[in-house]
Amino acid sequence: MNFKHMPELDTPYGYFVVLGVIAVFCLLLFMRFKKAKWL
């Protein structure tokens, strides 16, 4: 595997920042779907 071009590896906390952004995005989608009564 080629790990030279993964942007989250350039910063010390990049991996956790990416996980945090994904978690926030999932939470926002969940809240929007609940508000629209799709869930």
PDB file of N, CA and C in Angstrom:
ATOM      1  N   MET A   1       0.841  -1.179   0.000  1.00  0.00           N
ATOM      2  CA  MET A   1       0.000   0.000   0.000  1.00  0.00           C
ATOM      3  C   MET A   1       0.887   1.244   0.000  1.00  0.00           C
ATOM      4  N   ASN A   2       0.389   2.303  -0.593  1.00  0.00           N
ATOM      5  CA  ASN A   2       1.139   3.540  -0.675  1.00  0.00           C
ATOM      6  C   ASN A   2       0.617   4.515   0.375  1.00  0.00           C
ATOM      7  N   PHE A   3       1.405   4.711   1.427  1.00  0.00           N
ATOM      8  CA  PHE A   3       0.992   5.605   2.501  1.00  0.00           C
ATOM      9  C   PHE A   3       1.668   6.969   2.423  1.00  0.00           C
ATOM     10  N   LYS A   4       2.344   7.278   1.324  1.00  0.00           N
ATOM     11  CA  LYS A   4       3.052   8.553   1.213  1.00  0.00           C
ATOM     12  C   LYS A   4       2.111   9.710   0.914  1.00  0.00           C
ATOM     13  N   HIS A   5       0.951   9.439   0.364  1.00  0.00           N
ATOM     14  CA  HIS A   5       0.070  10.514  -0.082  1.00  0.00           C
ATOM     15  C   HIS A   5      -1.222  10.603   0.726  1.00  0.00           C
ATOM     16  N   MET A   6      -1.174  10.183   1.979  1.00  0.00           N
ATOM     17  CA  MET A   6      -2.349  10.295   2.844  1.00  0.00           C
ATOM     18  C   MET A   6      -2.245  11.603   3.628  1.00  0.00           C
ATOM     19  N   PRO A   7      -3.148  12.554   3.403  1.00  0.00           N
ATOM     20  CA  PRO A   7      -3.008  13.868   4.039  1.00  0.00           C
ATOM     21  C   PRO A   7      -3.040  13.829   5.559  1.00  0.00           C
ATOM     22  N   GLU A   8      -3.745  12.879   6.151  1.00  0.00           N
ATOM     23  CA  GLU A   8      -3.820  12.852   7.615  1.00  0.00           C
ATOM     24  C   GLU A   8      -2.513  12.435   8.269  1.00  0.00           C
ATOM     25  N   LEU A   9      -1.559  11.923   7.495  1.00  0.00           N
ATOM     26  CA  LEU A   9      -0.280  11.522   8.067  1.00  0.00           C
ATOM     27  C   LEU A   9       0.708  12.675   8.143  1.00  0.00           C
ATOM     28  N   ASP A  10       0.395  13.832   7.566  1.00  0.00           N
ATOM     29  CA  ASP A  10       1.319  14.966   7.573  1.00  0.00           C
ATOM     30  C   ASP A  10       1.330  15.707   8.897  1.00  0.00           C
ATOM     31  N   THR A  11       0.257  15.632   9.671  1.00  0.00           N
ATOM     32  CA  THR A  11       0.186  16.330  10.954  1.00  0.00           C
ATOM     33  C   THR A  11       0.092  15.307  12.076  1.00  0.00           C
ATOM     34  N   PRO A  12       0.539  15.676  13.275  1.00  0.00           N
ATOM     35  CA  PRO A  12       0.530  14.698  14.373  1.00  0.00           C
ATOM     36  C   PRO A  12      -0.865  14.223  14.773  1.00  0.00           C
ATOM     37  N   TYR A  13      -1.868  15.103  14.677  1.00  0.00           N
ATOM     38  CA  TYR A  13      -3.221  14.726  15.072  1.00  0.00           C
ATOM     39  C   TYR A  13      -4.157  14.631  13.879  1.00  0.00           C
ATOM     40  N   GLY A  14      -3.618  14.500  12.690  1.00  0.00           N
ATOM     41  CA  GLY A  14      -4.420  14.494  11.473  1.00  0.00           C
ATOM     42  C   GLY A  14      -5.431  13.369  11.431  1.00  0.00           C
ATOM     43  N   TYR A  15      -5.040  12.190  11.882  1.00  0.00           N
ATOM     44  CA  TYR A  15      -5.948  11.041  11.856  1.00  0.00           C
ATOM     45  C   TYR A  15      -7.170  11.300  12.731  1.00  0.00           C
ATOM     46  N   PHE A  16      -6.936  11.877  13.918  1.00  0.00           N
ATOM     47  CA  PHE A  16      -8.042  12.147  14.836  1.00  0.00           C
ATOM     48  C   PHE A  16      -8.913  13.291  14.324  1.00  0.00           C
ATOM     49  N   VAL A  17      -8.313  14.252  13.625  1.00  0.00           N
ATOM     50  CA  VAL A  17      -9.096  15.343  13.031  1.00  0.00           C
ATOM     51  C   VAL A  17     -10.027  14.782  11.964  1.00  0.00           C
ATOM     52  N   VAL A  18      -9.520  13.883  11.139  1.00  0.00           N
ATOM     53  CA  VAL A  18     -10.344  13.272  10.093  1.00  0.00           C
ATOM     54  C   VAL A  18     -11.482  12.475  10.727  1.00  0.00           C
ATOM     55  N   LEU A  19     -11.191  11.706  11.753  1.00  0.00           N
ATOM     56  CA  LEU A  19     -12.246  10.950  12.437  1.00  0.00           C
ATOM     57  C   LEU A  19     -13.277  11.884  13.064  1.00  0.00           C
ATOM     58  N   GLY A  20     -12.825  12.997  13.629  1.00  0.00           N
ATOM     59  CA  GLY A  20     -13.744  13.962  14.216  1.00  0.00           C
ATOM     60  C   GLY A  20     -14.656  14.600  13.180  1.00  0.00           C
ATOM     61  N   VAL A  21     -14.095  14.950  12.025  1.00  0.00           N
ATOM     62  CA  VAL A  21     -14.899  15.556  10.957  1.00  0.00           C
ATOM     63  C   VAL A  21     -15.947  14.565  10.465  1.00  0.00           C
ATOM     64  N   ILE A  22     -15.561  13.308  10.314  1.00  0.00           N
ATOM     65  CA  ILE A  22     -16.509  12.283   9.876  1.00  0.00           C
ATOM     66  C   ILE A  22     -17.618  12.104  10.918  1.00  0.00           C
ATOM     67  N   ALA A  23     -17.252  12.093  12.200  1.00  0.00           N
ATOM     68  CA  ALA A  23     -18.249  11.927  13.257  1.00  0.00           C
ATOM     69  C   ALA A  23     -19.228  13.099  13.288  1.00  0.00           C
ATOM     70  N   VAL A  24     -18.720  14.327  13.139  1.00  0.00           N
ATOM     71  CA  VAL A  24     -19.597  15.502  13.131  1.00  0.00           C
ATOM     72  C   VAL A  24     -20.528  15.456  11.927  1.00  0.00           C
ATOM     73  N   PHE A  25     -20.003  15.077  10.770  1.00  0.00           N
ATOM     74  CA  PHE A  25     -20.825  14.983   9.564  1.00  0.00           C
ATOM     75  C   PHE A  25     -21.936  13.949   9.746  1.00  0.00           C
ATOM     76  N   CYS A  26     -21.603  12.807  10.331  1.00  0.00           N
ATOM     77  CA  CYS A  26     -22.622  11.775  10.579  1.00  0.00           C
ATOM     78  C   CYS A  26     -23.676  12.270  11.562  1.00  0.00           C
ATOM     79  N   LEU A  27     -23.251  12.980  12.592  1.00  0.00           N
ATOM     80  CA  LEU A  27     -24.200  13.515  13.562  1.00  0.00           C
ATOM     81  C   LEU A  27     -25.128  14.537  12.920  1.00  0.00           C
ATOM     82  N   LEU A  28     -24.581  15.419  12.081  1.00  0.00           N
ATOM     83  CA  LEU A  28     -25.414  16.407  11.400  1.00  0.00           C
ATOM     84  C   LEU A  28     -26.420  15.738  10.467  1.00  0.00           C
ATOM     85  N   LEU A  29     -25.994  14.715   9.750  1.00  0.00           N
ATOM     86  CA  LEU A  29     -26.919  13.989   8.882  1.00  0.00           C
ATOM     87  C   LEU A  29     -28.016  13.309   9.696  1.00  0.00           C
ATOM     88  N   PHE A  30     -27.636  12.709  10.813  1.00  0.00           N
ATOM     89  CA  PHE A  30     -28.615  12.048  11.672  1.00  0.00           C
ATOM     90  C   PHE A  30     -29.653  13.045  12.181  1.00  0.00           C
ATOM     91  N   MET A  31     -29.184  14.216  12.635  1.00  0.00           N
ATOM     92  CA  MET A  31     -30.106  15.228  13.141  1.00  0.00           C
ATOM     93  C   MET A  31     -31.025  15.737  12.033  1.00  0.00           C
ATOM     94  N   ARG A  32     -30.494  15.911  10.846  1.00  0.00           N
ATOM     95  CA  ARG A  32     -31.321  16.387   9.729  1.00  0.00           C
ATOM     96  C   ARG A  32     -32.378  15.350   9.353  1.00  0.00           C
ATOM     97  N   PHE A  33     -31.992  14.082   9.327  1.00  0.00           N
ATOM     98  CA  PHE A  33     -32.943  13.027   8.987  1.00  0.00           C
ATOM     99  C   PHE A  33     -34.015  12.886  10.061  1.00  0.00           C
ATOM    100  N   LYS A  34     -33.641  13.060  11.334  1.00  0.00           N
ATOM    101  CA  LYS A  34     -34.632  13.005  12.407  1.00  0.00           C
ATOM    102  C   LYS A  34     -35.613  14.164  12.291  1.00  0.00           C
ATOM    103  N   LYS A  35     -35.106  15.354  11.958  1.00  0.00           N
ATOM    104  CA  LYS A  35     -35.971  16.527  11.825  1.00  0.00           C
ATOM    105  C   LYS A  35     -36.941  16.363  10.660  1.00  0.00           C
ATOM    106  N   ALA A  36     -36.491  15.730   9.584  1.00  0.00           N
ATOM    107  CA  ALA A  36     -37.349  15.503   8.419  1.00  0.00           C
ATOM    108  C   ALA A  36     -38.245  14.278   8.612  1.00  0.00           C
ATOM    109  N   LYS A  37     -38.098  13.603   9.763  1.00  0.00           N
ATOM    110  CA  LYS A  37     -38.869  12.400  10.107  1.00  0.00           C
ATOM    111  C   LYS A  37     -38.666  11.280   9.093  1.00  0.00           C
ATOM    112  N   TRP A  38     -37.413  11.157   8.641  1.00  0.00           N
ATOM    113  CA  TRP A  38     -37.062  10.044   7.767  1.00  0.00           C
ATOM    114  C   TRP A  38     -36.571   8.853   8.584  1.00  0.00           C
ATOM    115  N   LEU A  39     -36.307   9.079   9.855  1.00  0.00           N
ATOM    116  CA  LEU A  39     -35.877   7.985  10.728  1.00  0.00           C
ATOM    117  C   LEU A  39     -36.900   7.766  11.815  1.00  0.00           C
TER     118      LEU A  39
END
